[in-house]
Amino acid sequence: MVIANPIYDVVFKRMMENDKVAKFFIGTLLEQTIETVEVKPQEFTYIDELAGLAVFRLDFIATIKTDLGEYKKVLIEIQKAKNHIDLMRFRNYLAEQYKKEDTVNDEKVILPITTIYILGFKLSEIETPCLKVERNYKDLTNKITIETKSDFVEKLTHDSFIVQVDRITDRYQTRLDKLLSVFEQTNFIDDKKIIKEFNHEVDIEELKIATDILHHSGTNPEEKKKIETEQEAWRSVNAMFDDKEKKYLKQLKDKDDYIAELLRKLDEKK
């Protein structure tokens, strides 16, 4: 089956609009049964006036209820390239979410936050395709782990999940493997890495729905055009940041060379 690459915002948005797929995606990573989920893409446009670029971005917020009756806020970030500005932007975005109240059953509440990062680049120190960074309560006085959870602590700290799509292999055994398989960055049939062959046997209902949605996004001309537009926009942004970084590094080198020359001349005068 031919499917679209879900690393793109517009494709991921289309996939997560389906209730069963959203529950499958979040529940599989969190290893919890999700009873209800409400995904709200947060739209914004990054604008660089000097470069004349306006790039549409989506962040994803999901309010979930687990089978234990717990409500949580899940923030999902897709970061295709390792840009400093994206890291700072999401840190600010995360801080804003900690300030916000949510409405649950017509009541204003502060929800615990969980973050999911889908990375289009490799973390050199971490080889696993899927990483969980979790909190443990440790009693430092008695050197033991505390199993009881505090509502106060839960709302001030959070667990994180990191998916490195470039480290996903063709392993296809567990429910997590099958979820990750749609993000696998291989078997592309186009130079732009937008469309790929999905060669695994689909034996989970939610995965069947997800791949059908991705198939439509990858074969419908209008949907493909949206992906290409997003890809081209971010290619321009990344090139712009690369140019700025090279210019900045050259300025630093020129400054170091100038200082070194001044020091050399001072030594000669001694």
C-alpha atoms as a PDB file:
ATOM      1  CA  MET A   1       0.000   0.000   0.000  1.00  0.00           C
ATOM      2  CA  VAL A   2       1.166   3.523  -0.831  1.00  0.00           C
ATOM      3  CA  ILE A   3       0.915   5.977   2.093  1.00  0.00           C
ATOM      4  CA  ALA A   4       1.907   9.571   2.821  1.00  0.00           C
ATOM      5  CA  ASN A   5       4.723  10.315   5.241  1.00  0.00           C
ATOM      6  CA  PRO A   6       3.030  11.318   8.554  1.00  0.00           C
ATOM      7  CA  ILE A   7       6.041  13.405   9.651  1.00  0.00           C
ATOM      8  CA  TYR A   8       4.356  16.366   7.928  1.00  0.00           C
ATOM      9  CA  ASP A   9       1.950  18.493   9.973  1.00  0.00           C
ATOM     10  CA  VAL A  10      -0.866  18.394   7.418  1.00  0.00           C
ATOM     11  CA  VAL A  11      -0.692  14.585   7.176  1.00  0.00           C
ATOM     12  CA  PHE A  12      -0.432  14.024  10.921  1.00  0.00           C
ATOM     13  CA  LYS A  13      -3.391  16.357  11.458  1.00  0.00           C
ATOM     14  CA  ARG A  14      -5.496  14.351   9.013  1.00  0.00           C
ATOM     15  CA  MET A  15      -4.571  11.097  10.764  1.00  0.00           C
ATOM     16  CA  MET A  16      -5.258  12.413  14.277  1.00  0.00           C
ATOM     17  CA  GLU A  17      -8.691  13.732  13.304  1.00  0.00           C
ATOM     18  CA  ASN A  18      -9.884  10.144  13.547  1.00  0.00           C
ATOM     19  CA  ASP A  19     -10.923   9.309  17.107  1.00  0.00           C
ATOM     20  CA  LYS A  20      -9.794   5.674  17.017  1.00  0.00           C
ATOM     21  CA  VAL A  21      -6.416   6.544  15.497  1.00  0.00           C
ATOM     22  CA  ALA A  22      -5.810   9.310  18.047  1.00  0.00           C
ATOM     23  CA  LYS A  23      -6.586   6.908  20.915  1.00  0.00           C
ATOM     24  CA  PHE A  24      -4.342   4.267  19.321  1.00  0.00           C
ATOM     25  CA  PHE A  25      -1.436   6.698  18.885  1.00  0.00           C
ATOM     26  CA  ILE A  26      -1.561   8.247  22.369  1.00  0.00           C
ATOM     27  CA  GLY A  27      -2.641   5.114  24.243  1.00  0.00           C
ATOM     28  CA  THR A  28       0.094   2.960  22.711  1.00  0.00           C
ATOM     29  CA  LEU A  29       2.842   5.392  23.676  1.00  0.00           C
ATOM     30  CA  LEU A  30       1.479   6.049  27.165  1.00  0.00           C
ATOM     31  CA  GLU A  31       0.696   2.336  27.641  1.00  0.00           C
ATOM     32  CA  GLN A  32      -2.766   3.244  28.854  1.00  0.00           C
ATOM     33  CA  THR A  33      -6.288   2.644  27.597  1.00  0.00           C
ATOM     34  CA  ILE A  34      -7.745   5.945  26.441  1.00  0.00           C
ATOM     35  CA  GLU A  35     -11.486   6.247  26.958  1.00  0.00           C
ATOM     36  CA  THR A  36     -11.928   9.688  25.404  1.00  0.00           C
ATOM     37  CA  VAL A  37      -9.664  11.990  23.427  1.00  0.00           C
ATOM     38  CA  GLU A  38     -10.080  15.456  21.992  1.00  0.00           C
ATOM     39  CA  VAL A  39      -7.310  16.653  19.686  1.00  0.00           C
ATOM     40  CA  LYS A  40      -7.054  20.374  18.997  1.00  0.00           C
ATOM     41  CA  PRO A  41      -4.424  21.456  16.467  1.00  0.00           C
ATOM     42  CA  GLN A  42      -3.045  24.875  17.437  1.00  0.00           C
ATOM     43  CA  GLU A  43      -2.373  26.887  14.304  1.00  0.00           C
ATOM     44  CA  PHE A  44       0.210  29.628  14.021  1.00  0.00           C
ATOM     45  CA  THR A  45       2.438  31.171  11.380  1.00  0.00           C
ATOM     46  CA  TYR A  46       6.152  31.715  11.743  1.00  0.00           C
ATOM     47  CA  ILE A  47       7.095  34.977   9.996  1.00  0.00           C
ATOM     48  CA  ASP A  48      10.560  36.241   9.126  1.00  0.00           C
ATOM     49  CA  GLU A  49      10.205  39.735   7.710  1.00  0.00           C
ATOM     50  CA  LEU A  50      13.781  39.927   6.411  1.00  0.00           C
ATOM     51  CA  ALA A  51      13.482  36.689   4.477  1.00  0.00           C
ATOM     52  CA  GLY A  52       9.896  37.358   3.443  1.00  0.00           C
ATOM     53  CA  LEU A  53       8.762  33.954   4.671  1.00  0.00           C
ATOM     54  CA  ALA A  54       5.494  33.017   6.342  1.00  0.00           C
ATOM     55  CA  VAL A  55       5.377  29.347   7.332  1.00  0.00           C
ATOM     56  CA  PHE A  56       2.254  27.680   8.667  1.00  0.00           C
ATOM     57  CA  ARG A  57       2.799  25.436  11.690  1.00  0.00           C
ATOM     58  CA  LEU A  58       0.641  23.152  13.794  1.00  0.00           C
ATOM     59  CA  ASP A  59       1.089  22.078  17.380  1.00  0.00           C
ATOM     60  CA  PHE A  60      -1.242  19.435  18.754  1.00  0.00           C
ATOM     61  CA  ILE A  61      -3.004  19.433  22.105  1.00  0.00           C
ATOM     62  CA  ALA A  62      -5.016  16.408  23.182  1.00  0.00           C
ATOM     63  CA  THR A  63      -7.190  16.234  26.275  1.00  0.00           C
ATOM     64  CA  ILE A  64      -7.558  12.594  27.264  1.00  0.00           C
ATOM     65  CA  LYS A  65      -9.386  10.514  29.843  1.00  0.00           C
ATOM     66  CA  THR A  66      -7.817   7.182  30.769  1.00  0.00           C
ATOM     67  CA  ASP A  67      -9.600   4.008  31.814  1.00  0.00           C
ATOM     68  CA  LEU A  68      -8.657   4.917  35.399  1.00  0.00           C
ATOM     69  CA  GLY A  69     -10.742   8.088  35.123  1.00  0.00           C
ATOM     70  CA  GLU A  70      -7.691  10.389  35.005  1.00  0.00           C
ATOM     71  CA  TYR A  71      -7.705  13.464  32.779  1.00  0.00           C
ATOM     72  CA  LYS A  72      -4.457  14.615  31.163  1.00  0.00           C
ATOM     73  CA  LYS A  73      -3.273  17.148  28.632  1.00  0.00           C
ATOM     74  CA  VAL A  74      -0.987  15.728  25.942  1.00  0.00           C
ATOM     75  CA  LEU A  75       1.180  18.091  23.880  1.00  0.00           C
ATOM     76  CA  ILE A  76       2.461  16.655  20.599  1.00  0.00           C
ATOM     77  CA  GLU A  77       5.302  18.330  18.718  1.00  0.00           C
ATOM     78  CA  ILE A  78       6.609  17.310  15.294  1.00  0.00           C
ATOM     79  CA  GLN A  79      10.101  18.695  14.741  1.00  0.00           C
ATOM     80  CA  LYS A  80      11.518  17.792  11.335  1.00  0.00           C
ATOM     81  CA  ALA A  81      14.887  19.526  11.704  1.00  0.00           C
ATOM     82  CA  LYS A  82      17.147  20.396  14.601  1.00  0.00           C
ATOM     83  CA  ASN A  83      16.607  24.147  14.716  1.00  0.00           C
ATOM     84  CA  HIS A  84      17.376  26.205  17.804  1.00  0.00           C
ATOM     85  CA  ILE A  85      14.318  28.390  17.179  1.00  0.00           C
ATOM     86  CA  ASP A  86      11.987  25.355  17.282  1.00  0.00           C
ATOM     87  CA  LEU A  87      13.406  24.286  20.630  1.00  0.00           C
ATOM     88  CA  MET A  88      12.932  27.749  22.125  1.00  0.00           C
ATOM     89  CA  ARG A  89       9.476  28.121  20.575  1.00  0.00           C
ATOM     90  CA  PHE A  90       8.248  24.874  22.105  1.00  0.00           C
ATOM     91  CA  ARG A  91       9.767  25.688  25.509  1.00  0.00           C
ATOM     92  CA  ASN A  92       7.766  28.913  25.467  1.00  0.00           C
ATOM     93  CA  TYR A  93       4.691  27.055  24.224  1.00  0.00           C
ATOM     94  CA  LEU A  94       5.041  24.503  27.034  1.00  0.00           C
ATOM     95  CA  ALA A  95       5.331  27.303  29.593  1.00  0.00           C
ATOM     96  CA  GLU A  96       2.137  28.869  28.233  1.00  0.00           C
ATOM     97  CA  GLN A  97       0.287  25.552  28.574  1.00  0.00           C
ATOM     98  CA  TYR A  98       1.305  25.286  32.222  1.00  0.00           C
ATOM     99  CA  LYS A  99      -0.397  28.634  32.790  1.00  0.00           C
ATOM    100  CA  LYS A 100      -3.685  27.644  31.154  1.00  0.00           C
ATOM    101  CA  GLU A 101      -6.737  26.117  32.731  1.00  0.00           C
ATOM    102  CA  ASP A 102      -8.774  23.530  30.863  1.00  0.00           C
ATOM    103  CA  THR A 103     -12.459  22.784  30.927  1.00  0.00           C
ATOM    104  CA  VAL A 104     -13.459  19.280  32.021  1.00  0.00           C
ATOM    105  CA  ASN A 105     -17.142  18.505  32.615  1.00  0.00           C
ATOM    106  CA  ASP A 106     -17.901  22.248  32.510  1.00  0.00           C
ATOM    107  CA  GLU A 107     -15.377  22.895  35.273  1.00  0.00           C
ATOM    108  CA  LYS A 108     -12.117  24.870  35.032  1.00  0.00           C
ATOM    109  CA  VAL A 109      -9.194  22.651  36.088  1.00  0.00           C
ATOM    110  CA  ILE A 110      -5.411  22.445  35.812  1.00  0.00           C
ATOM    111  CA  LEU A 111      -4.466  19.198  34.068  1.00  0.00           C
ATOM    112  CA  PRO A 112      -1.217  17.222  34.330  1.00  0.00           C
ATOM    113  CA  ILE A 113       0.825  17.518  31.125  1.00  0.00           C
ATOM    114  CA  THR A 114       2.520  14.812  29.062  1.00  0.00           C
ATOM    115  CA  THR A 115       4.659  15.689  26.030  1.00  0.00           C
ATOM    116  CA  ILE A 116       5.286  13.657  22.874  1.00  0.00           C
ATOM    117  CA  TYR A 117       8.069  14.727  20.509  1.00  0.00           C
ATOM    118  CA  ILE A 118       8.297  13.247  17.011  1.00  0.00           C
ATOM    119  CA  LEU A 119      11.773  14.032  15.706  1.00  0.00           C
ATOM    120  CA  GLY A 120      12.869  13.983  12.083  1.00  0.00           C
ATOM    121  CA  PHE A 121      16.522  13.897  13.125  1.00  0.00           C
ATOM    122  CA  LYS A 122      18.660  11.638  15.302  1.00  0.00           C
ATOM    123  CA  LEU A 123      19.778  12.287  18.846  1.00  0.00           C
ATOM    124  CA  SER A 124      23.378  11.085  18.616  1.00  0.00           C
ATOM    125  CA  GLU A 125      23.464   9.883  22.229  1.00  0.00           C
ATOM    126  CA  ILE A 126      20.183   7.913  22.099  1.00  0.00           C
ATOM    127  CA  GLU A 127      19.840   4.960  19.730  1.00  0.00           C
ATOM    128  CA  THR A 128      16.332   3.728  20.518  1.00  0.00           C
ATOM    129  CA  PRO A 129      13.515   4.809  18.176  1.00  0.00           C
ATOM    130  CA  CYS A 130      11.128   5.384  21.084  1.00  0.00           C
ATOM    131  CA  LEU A 131      12.174   6.807  24.437  1.00  0.00           C
ATOM    132  CA  LYS A 132      10.202   7.483  27.620  1.00  0.00           C
ATOM    133  CA  VAL A 133      11.529  10.030  30.103  1.00  0.00           C
ATOM    134  CA  GLU A 134       9.574   9.499  33.289  1.00  0.00           C
ATOM    135  CA  ARG A 135       9.586  10.836  36.812  1.00  0.00           C
ATOM    136  CA  ASN A 136      10.171   8.866  39.979  1.00  0.00           C
ATOM    137  CA  TYR A 137       9.347  10.047  43.469  1.00  0.00           C
ATOM    138  CA  LYS A 138      12.406   9.414  45.642  1.00  0.00           C
ATOM    139  CA  ASP A 139      12.578   9.820  49.393  1.00  0.00           C
ATOM    140  CA  LEU A 140      16.141  11.105  49.755  1.00  0.00           C
ATOM    141  CA  THR A 141      16.056  10.783  53.532  1.00  0.00           C
ATOM    142  CA  ASN A 142      15.240   7.083  53.621  1.00  0.00           C
ATOM    143  CA  LYS A 143      16.611   6.243  50.148  1.00  0.00           C
ATOM    144  CA  ILE A 144      13.402   4.628  48.914  1.00  0.00           C
ATOM    145  CA  THR A 145      11.018   5.138  45.993  1.00  0.00           C
ATOM    146  CA  ILE A 146       7.618   6.563  46.893  1.00  0.00           C
ATOM    147  CA  GLU A 147       4.769   4.904  45.001  1.00  0.00           C
ATOM    148  CA  THR A 148       2.064   7.390  46.056  1.00  0.00           C
ATOM    149  CA  LYS A 149       1.435  10.244  43.613  1.00  0.00           C
ATOM    150  CA  SER A 150       0.826  13.857  44.603  1.00  0.00           C
ATOM    151  CA  ASP A 151      -1.650  15.958  42.622  1.00  0.00           C
ATOM    152  CA  PHE A 152       0.525  19.020  43.303  1.00  0.00           C
ATOM    153  CA  VAL A 153       3.668  17.335  41.930  1.00  0.00           C
ATOM    154  CA  GLU A 154       1.867  15.814  38.944  1.00  0.00           C
ATOM    155  CA  LYS A 155       0.686  19.238  37.787  1.00  0.00           C
ATOM    156  CA  LEU A 156       4.136  20.826  38.077  1.00  0.00           C
ATOM    157  CA  THR A 157       6.189  18.120  36.349  1.00  0.00           C
ATOM    158  CA  HIS A 158       5.620  15.862  33.382  1.00  0.00           C
ATOM    159  CA  ASP A 159       6.638  12.680  31.557  1.00  0.00           C
ATOM    160  CA  SER A 160       7.929  12.880  27.993  1.00  0.00           C
ATOM    161  CA  PHE A 161       7.987  10.504  25.038  1.00  0.00           C
ATOM    162  CA  ILE A 162      10.437  10.921  22.158  1.00  0.00           C
ATOM    163  CA  VAL A 163      10.103   9.176  18.793  1.00  0.00           C
ATOM    164  CA  GLN A 164      13.116   9.265  16.479  1.00  0.00           C
ATOM    165  CA  VAL A 165      11.665   8.387  13.093  1.00  0.00           C
ATOM    166  CA  ASP A 166      15.084   7.864  11.475  1.00  0.00           C
ATOM    167  CA  ARG A 167      15.846   5.086  13.994  1.00  0.00           C
ATOM    168  CA  ILE A 168      12.660   3.100  13.335  1.00  0.00           C
ATOM    169  CA  THR A 169      13.444  -0.306  11.795  1.00  0.00           C
ATOM    170  CA  ASP A 170      11.260  -2.929  10.111  1.00  0.00           C
ATOM    171  CA  ARG A 171      10.638  -4.646  13.459  1.00  0.00           C
ATOM    172  CA  TYR A 172       6.919  -5.497  13.537  1.00  0.00           C
ATOM    173  CA  GLN A 173       5.982  -7.517  16.609  1.00  0.00           C
ATOM    174  CA  THR A 174       4.397  -5.447  19.358  1.00  0.00           C
ATOM    175  CA  ARG A 175       1.592  -2.899  19.285  1.00  0.00           C
ATOM    176  CA  LEU A 176       4.244  -0.172  19.631  1.00  0.00           C
ATOM    177  CA  ASP A 177       6.206  -1.594  16.684  1.00  0.00           C
ATOM    178  CA  LYS A 178       3.082  -1.447  14.551  1.00  0.00           C
ATOM    179  CA  LEU A 179       2.361   2.150  15.520  1.00  0.00           C
ATOM    180  CA  LEU A 180       5.940   3.208  14.772  1.00  0.00           C
ATOM    181  CA  SER A 181       5.874   1.408  11.416  1.00  0.00           C
ATOM    182  CA  VAL A 182       3.805   4.159   9.779  1.00  0.00           C
ATOM    183  CA  PHE A 183       6.562   6.664  10.671  1.00  0.00           C
ATOM    184  CA  GLU A 184       9.374   4.481   9.311  1.00  0.00           C
ATOM    185  CA  GLN A 185      11.486   6.584   6.938  1.00  0.00           C
ATOM    186  CA  THR A 186      12.221   3.938   4.283  1.00  0.00           C
ATOM    187  CA  ASN A 187      10.712   2.511   1.082  1.00  0.00           C
ATOM    188  CA  PHE A 188      10.044   5.932  -0.442  1.00  0.00           C
ATOM    189  CA  ILE A 189       8.865   5.912  -4.038  1.00  0.00           C
ATOM    190  CA  ASP A 190       9.573   9.605  -4.708  1.00  0.00           C
ATOM    191  CA  ASP A 191      12.680  11.787  -4.382  1.00  0.00           C
ATOM    192  CA  LYS A 192      10.907  14.185  -2.009  1.00  0.00           C
ATOM    193  CA  LYS A 193      10.303  11.444   0.599  1.00  0.00           C
ATOM    194  CA  ILE A 194       6.611  12.260   0.748  1.00  0.00           C
ATOM    195  CA  ILE A 195       5.151   8.951  -0.463  1.00  0.00           C
ATOM    196  CA  LYS A 196       6.280   5.454   0.551  1.00  0.00           C
ATOM    197  CA  GLU A 197       5.316   1.822   0.328  1.00  0.00           C
ATOM    198  CA  PHE A 198       3.858   0.307   3.482  1.00  0.00           C
ATOM    199  CA  ASN A 199       4.664  -3.384   3.213  1.00  0.00           C
ATOM    200  CA  HIS A 200       3.555  -4.706   6.599  1.00  0.00           C
ATOM    201  CA  GLU A 201       0.506  -6.863   7.199  1.00  0.00           C
ATOM    202  CA  VAL A 202      -2.155  -4.789   8.916  1.00  0.00           C
ATOM    203  CA  ASP A 203      -3.770  -6.779  11.712  1.00  0.00           C
ATOM    204  CA  ILE A 204      -4.997  -4.010  14.027  1.00  0.00           C
ATOM    205  CA  GLU A 205      -8.216  -2.133  13.264  1.00  0.00           C
ATOM    206  CA  GLU A 206      -6.804   1.257  14.284  1.00  0.00           C
ATOM    207  CA  LEU A 207      -3.712   0.721  12.129  1.00  0.00           C
ATOM    208  CA  LYS A 208      -5.946  -0.185   9.167  1.00  0.00           C
ATOM    209  CA  ILE A 209      -7.822   3.101   9.612  1.00  0.00           C
ATOM    210  CA  ALA A 210      -4.552   5.039   9.935  1.00  0.00           C
ATOM    211  CA  THR A 211      -3.012   3.541   6.792  1.00  0.00           C
ATOM    212  CA  ASP A 212      -6.219   4.108   4.826  1.00  0.00           C
ATOM    213  CA  ILE A 213      -6.112   7.793   5.821  1.00  0.00           C
ATOM    214  CA  LEU A 214      -2.426   7.993   4.899  1.00  0.00           C
ATOM    215  CA  HIS A 215      -3.142   6.258   1.596  1.00  0.00           C
ATOM    216  CA  HIS A 216      -5.711   8.921   0.728  1.00  0.00           C
ATOM    217  CA  SER A 217      -3.305  11.711   1.684  1.00  0.00           C
ATOM    218  CA  GLY A 218      -0.608  10.132  -0.475  1.00  0.00           C
ATOM    219  CA  THR A 219      -2.733   9.599  -3.573  1.00  0.00           C
ATOM    220  CA  ASN A 220      -5.148  12.537  -3.582  1.00  0.00           C
ATOM    221  CA  PRO A 221      -3.628  15.351  -5.728  1.00  0.00           C
ATOM    222  CA  GLU A 222      -4.922  18.150  -3.486  1.00  0.00           C
ATOM    223  CA  GLU A 223      -3.596  16.479  -0.325  1.00  0.00           C
ATOM    224  CA  LYS A 224      -0.212  15.833  -1.969  1.00  0.00           C
ATOM    225  CA  LYS A 225      -0.002  19.484  -2.979  1.00  0.00           C
ATOM    226  CA  LYS A 226      -0.479  20.551   0.669  1.00  0.00           C
ATOM    227  CA  ILE A 227       2.395  18.290   1.725  1.00  0.00           C
ATOM    228  CA  GLU A 228       4.670  19.636  -1.017  1.00  0.00           C
ATOM    229  CA  THR A 229       3.849  23.219  -0.010  1.00  0.00           C
ATOM    230  CA  GLU A 230       4.722  22.493   3.633  1.00  0.00           C
ATOM    231  CA  GLN A 231       7.921  20.720   2.616  1.00  0.00           C
ATOM    232  CA  GLU A 232       9.070  23.563   0.376  1.00  0.00           C
ATOM    233  CA  ALA A 233       8.299  26.179   3.014  1.00  0.00           C
ATOM    234  CA  TRP A 234      10.377  24.415   5.651  1.00  0.00           C
ATOM    235  CA  ARG A 235      13.176  23.744   3.183  1.00  0.00           C
ATOM    236  CA  SER A 236      13.369  27.509   2.677  1.00  0.00           C
ATOM    237  CA  VAL A 237      13.302  28.148   6.434  1.00  0.00           C
ATOM    238  CA  ASN A 238      16.040  25.594   7.112  1.00  0.00           C
ATOM    239  CA  ALA A 239      18.194  27.059   4.345  1.00  0.00           C
ATOM    240  CA  MET A 240      17.681  30.515   5.829  1.00  0.00           C
ATOM    241  CA  PHE A 241      18.779  29.354   9.283  1.00  0.00           C
ATOM    242  CA  ASP A 242      21.783  27.541   7.799  1.00  0.00           C
ATOM    243  CA  ASP A 243      22.859  30.742   6.042  1.00  0.00           C
ATOM    244  CA  LYS A 244      22.430  32.789   9.225  1.00  0.00           C
ATOM    245  CA  GLU A 245      24.410  30.244  11.236  1.00  0.00           C
ATOM    246  CA  LYS A 246      27.252  30.227   8.698  1.00  0.00           C
ATOM    247  CA  LYS A 247      27.327  34.028   8.697  1.00  0.00           C
ATOM    248  CA  TYR A 248      27.389  34.123  12.501  1.00  0.00           C
ATOM    249  CA  LEU A 249      30.214  31.564  12.681  1.00  0.00           C
ATOM    250  CA  LYS A 250      32.221  33.532  10.117  1.00  0.00           C
ATOM    251  CA  GLN A 251      31.777  36.702  12.181  1.00  0.00           C
ATOM    252  CA  LEU A 252      33.046  34.864  15.255  1.00  0.00           C
ATOM    253  CA  LYS A 253      36.052  33.551  13.341  1.00  0.00           C
ATOM    254  CA  ASP A 254      36.864  37.012  11.962  1.00  0.00           C
ATOM    255  CA  LYS A 255      36.652  38.409  15.496  1.00  0.00           C
ATOM    256  CA  ASP A 256      38.945  35.677  16.850  1.00  0.00           C
ATOM    257  CA  ASP A 257      41.432  36.287  14.031  1.00  0.00           C
ATOM    258  CA  TYR A 258      41.392  40.030  14.753  1.00  0.00           C
ATOM    259  CA  ILE A 259      42.034  39.463  18.469  1.00  0.00           C
ATOM    260  CA  ALA A 260      44.821  37.008  17.681  1.00  0.00           C
ATOM    261  CA  GLU A 261      46.451  39.564  15.367  1.00  0.00           C
ATOM    262  CA  LEU A 262      46.269  42.286  18.056  1.00  0.00           C
ATOM    263  CA  LEU A 263      47.867  39.945  20.593  1.00  0.00           C
ATOM    264  CA  ARG A 264      50.639  39.100  18.122  1.00  0.00           C
ATOM    265  CA  LYS A 265      51.412  42.772  17.567  1.00  0.00           C
ATOM    266  CA  LEU A 266      51.465  43.424  21.322  1.00  0.00           C
ATOM    267  CA  ASP A 267      53.949  40.577  21.779  1.00  0.00           C
ATOM    268  CA  GLU A 268      56.190  42.072  19.088  1.00  0.00           C
ATOM    269  CA  LYS A 269      56.298  45.413  20.898  1.00  0.00           C
ATOM    270  CA  LYS A 270      57.499  43.836  24.140  1.00  0.00           C
END
